[in-house]
């Protein structure tokens, strides 16, 4: 599978996860070559998301994501896999914003 296809699949997986968690407005920035892969809003907050499939995010990429997020009044977020599940981390403090609920875990939220 090409990097493009696997990156696209990851973006769609995050998009579905966001929609399942109440983010009714999710835009995928296909082929834009910007630091924002997805822009999502749930009526309370806006997330500017960079999706990484195990790759390191450089300081330069982090700064670009912060700049783009600020332009949209959004929280800069990094989406990456952790223990086989997607987790969305606040770029500022690396704390989870959202986590994918895996088959082995059940949450009441």
C-alpha atoms as a PDB file:
ATOM      1  CA  UNK A   1       0.000   0.000   0.000  1.00  0.00           C
ATOM      2  CA  UNK A   2       1.387   3.422  -0.911  1.00  0.00           C
ATOM      3  CA  UNK A   3       2.135   6.073   1.708  1.00  0.00           C
ATOM      4  CA  UNK A   4      -0.614   8.233   0.198  1.00  0.00           C
ATOM      5  CA  UNK A   5      -3.265   5.504   0.503  1.00  0.00           C
ATOM      6  CA  UNK A   6      -2.260   4.513   4.007  1.00  0.00           C
ATOM      7  CA  UNK A   7      -2.203   8.184   5.069  1.00  0.00           C
ATOM      8  CA  UNK A   8      -5.615   8.737   3.512  1.00  0.00           C
ATOM      9  CA  UNK A   9      -6.986   5.651   5.287  1.00  0.00           C
ATOM     10  CA  UNK A  10      -5.638   6.962   8.608  1.00  0.00           C
ATOM     11  CA  UNK A  11      -7.283  10.358   8.016  1.00  0.00           C
ATOM     12  CA  UNK A  12     -10.632   8.710   7.254  1.00  0.00           C
ATOM     13  CA  UNK A  13     -10.334   6.537  10.391  1.00  0.00           C
ATOM     14  CA  UNK A  14      -9.773   9.668  12.511  1.00  0.00           C
ATOM     15  CA  UNK A  15     -12.643  11.425  10.738  1.00  0.00           C
ATOM     16  CA  UNK A  16     -15.021   8.536  11.565  1.00  0.00           C
ATOM     17  CA  UNK A  17     -13.811   8.498  15.168  1.00  0.00           C
ATOM     18  CA  UNK A  18     -14.457  12.238  15.497  1.00  0.00           C
ATOM     19  CA  UNK A  19     -17.926  11.976  13.958  1.00  0.00           C
ATOM     20  CA  UNK A  20     -18.797   9.123  16.340  1.00  0.00           C
ATOM     21  CA  UNK A  21     -17.770  11.390  19.236  1.00  0.00           C
ATOM     22  CA  UNK A  22     -20.058  14.266  18.201  1.00  0.00           C
ATOM     23  CA  UNK A  23     -17.877  16.252  15.817  1.00  0.00           C
ATOM     24  CA  UNK A  24     -20.531  16.883  13.177  1.00  0.00           C
ATOM     25  CA  UNK A  25     -18.276  19.098  11.064  1.00  0.00           C
ATOM     26  CA  UNK A  26     -15.052  17.448   9.915  1.00  0.00           C
ATOM     27  CA  UNK A  27     -13.113  18.600   6.868  1.00  0.00           C
ATOM     28  CA  UNK A  28     -10.285  16.551   5.367  1.00  0.00           C
ATOM     29  CA  UNK A  29      -7.586  18.643   3.741  1.00  0.00           C
ATOM     30  CA  UNK A  30      -6.805  16.158   0.973  1.00  0.00           C
ATOM     31  CA  UNK A  31      -3.516  16.699  -0.838  1.00  0.00           C
ATOM     32  CA  UNK A  32      -3.084  20.200   0.544  1.00  0.00           C
ATOM     33  CA  UNK A  33       0.460  19.690   1.876  1.00  0.00           C
ATOM     34  CA  UNK A  34      -0.406  21.856   4.880  1.00  0.00           C
ATOM     35  CA  UNK A  35       0.183  20.864   8.512  1.00  0.00           C
ATOM     36  CA  UNK A  36      -3.585  20.465   9.030  1.00  0.00           C
ATOM     37  CA  UNK A  37      -4.945  17.118   7.784  1.00  0.00           C
ATOM     38  CA  UNK A  38      -8.366  17.485   9.440  1.00  0.00           C
ATOM     39  CA  UNK A  39     -10.317  20.423  10.822  1.00  0.00           C
ATOM     40  CA  UNK A  40     -13.097  19.359  13.194  1.00  0.00           C
ATOM     41  CA  UNK A  41     -15.751  21.197  15.214  1.00  0.00           C
ATOM     42  CA  UNK A  42     -18.349  19.940  17.686  1.00  0.00           C
ATOM     43  CA  UNK A  43     -20.023  23.265  18.519  1.00  0.00           C
ATOM     44  CA  UNK A  44     -17.800  23.795  21.580  1.00  0.00           C
ATOM     45  CA  UNK A  45     -14.300  23.538  20.210  1.00  0.00           C
ATOM     46  CA  UNK A  46     -12.384  23.377  16.965  1.00  0.00           C
ATOM     47  CA  UNK A  47      -9.465  20.999  16.436  1.00  0.00           C
ATOM     48  CA  UNK A  48      -6.720  21.379  13.822  1.00  0.00           C
ATOM     49  CA  UNK A  49      -5.319  17.854  13.470  1.00  0.00           C
ATOM     50  CA  UNK A  50      -2.061  16.542  12.025  1.00  0.00           C
ATOM     51  CA  UNK A  51      -2.238  12.755  11.509  1.00  0.00           C
ATOM     52  CA  UNK A  52       1.032  10.851  11.971  1.00  0.00           C
ATOM     53  CA  UNK A  53       1.358   7.132  11.417  1.00  0.00           C
ATOM     54  CA  UNK A  54       4.236   6.543  13.832  1.00  0.00           C
ATOM     55  CA  UNK A  55       6.402   9.292  12.429  1.00  0.00           C
ATOM     56  CA  UNK A  56       8.143  11.894  14.526  1.00  0.00           C
ATOM     57  CA  UNK A  57       6.782  15.457  14.328  1.00  0.00           C
ATOM     58  CA  UNK A  58       9.607  17.972  14.109  1.00  0.00           C
ATOM     59  CA  UNK A  59       9.705  21.274  15.998  1.00  0.00           C
ATOM     60  CA  UNK A  60       9.198  23.055  12.672  1.00  0.00           C
ATOM     61  CA  UNK A  61       6.079  20.966  11.920  1.00  0.00           C
ATOM     62  CA  UNK A  62       4.785  21.632  15.440  1.00  0.00           C
ATOM     63  CA  UNK A  63       5.225  25.391  15.017  1.00  0.00           C
ATOM     64  CA  UNK A  64       3.506  25.326  11.623  1.00  0.00           C
ATOM     65  CA  UNK A  65       0.570  23.368  13.087  1.00  0.00           C
ATOM     66  CA  UNK A  66       0.298  25.859  15.970  1.00  0.00           C
ATOM     67  CA  UNK A  67       0.306  28.790  13.509  1.00  0.00           C
ATOM     68  CA  UNK A  68      -2.362  27.226  11.294  1.00  0.00           C
ATOM     69  CA  UNK A  69      -4.497  26.281  14.310  1.00  0.00           C
ATOM     70  CA  UNK A  70      -4.308  29.835  15.651  1.00  0.00           C
ATOM     71  CA  UNK A  71      -5.478  31.176  12.277  1.00  0.00           C
ATOM     72  CA  UNK A  72      -8.671  29.109  12.657  1.00  0.00           C
ATOM     73  CA  UNK A  73      -9.096  29.620  16.400  1.00  0.00           C
ATOM     74  CA  UNK A  74      -8.468  25.896  16.829  1.00  0.00           C
ATOM     75  CA  UNK A  75      -6.581  23.695  19.273  1.00  0.00           C
ATOM     76  CA  UNK A  76      -3.501  22.146  17.600  1.00  0.00           C
ATOM     77  CA  UNK A  77      -3.762  18.361  17.896  1.00  0.00           C
ATOM     78  CA  UNK A  78      -1.513  15.463  16.929  1.00  0.00           C
ATOM     79  CA  UNK A  79      -3.212  12.159  16.033  1.00  0.00           C
ATOM     80  CA  UNK A  80      -1.048   9.054  16.346  1.00  0.00           C
ATOM     81  CA  UNK A  81      -1.295   5.366  17.124  1.00  0.00           C
ATOM     82  CA  UNK A  82      -0.665   4.185  20.664  1.00  0.00           C
ATOM     83  CA  UNK A  83      -1.024   0.501  21.514  1.00  0.00           C
ATOM     84  CA  UNK A  84      -2.851  -0.086  18.220  1.00  0.00           C
ATOM     85  CA  UNK A  85      -5.447   2.654  18.789  1.00  0.00           C
ATOM     86  CA  UNK A  86      -5.642   6.223  17.592  1.00  0.00           C
ATOM     87  CA  UNK A  87      -5.135   8.895  20.209  1.00  0.00           C
ATOM     88  CA  UNK A  88      -5.485  12.650  19.673  1.00  0.00           C
ATOM     89  CA  UNK A  89      -3.000  14.604  21.771  1.00  0.00           C
ATOM     90  CA  UNK A  90      -3.035  18.288  22.649  1.00  0.00           C
ATOM     91  CA  UNK A  91       0.157  19.543  21.031  1.00  0.00           C
ATOM     92  CA  UNK A  92       0.857  21.880  23.973  1.00  0.00           C
ATOM     93  CA  UNK A  93       0.912  19.323  26.803  1.00  0.00           C
ATOM     94  CA  UNK A  94       0.707  15.945  24.988  1.00  0.00           C
ATOM     95  CA  UNK A  95      -2.411  15.027  27.005  1.00  0.00           C
ATOM     96  CA  UNK A  96      -5.190  13.112  25.246  1.00  0.00           C
ATOM     97  CA  UNK A  97      -8.001  15.135  23.706  1.00  0.00           C
ATOM     98  CA  UNK A  98      -9.769  12.000  22.392  1.00  0.00           C
ATOM     99  CA  UNK A  99      -8.937   8.302  22.307  1.00  0.00           C
ATOM    100  CA  UNK A 100     -10.291   5.590  20.068  1.00  0.00           C
ATOM    101  CA  UNK A 101     -12.132   3.018  22.138  1.00  0.00           C
ATOM    102  CA  UNK A 102     -10.644  -0.348  21.182  1.00  0.00           C
ATOM    103  CA  UNK A 103     -12.299  -3.764  21.194  1.00  0.00           C
ATOM    104  CA  UNK A 104     -10.762  -4.631  24.563  1.00  0.00           C
ATOM    105  CA  UNK A 105     -11.922  -1.499  26.343  1.00  0.00           C
ATOM    106  CA  UNK A 106     -15.372  -0.147  27.086  1.00  0.00           C
ATOM    107  CA  UNK A 107     -16.161   3.347  28.256  1.00  0.00           C
ATOM    108  CA  UNK A 108     -19.443   4.702  29.471  1.00  0.00           C
ATOM    109  CA  UNK A 109     -19.081   8.035  27.681  1.00  0.00           C
END
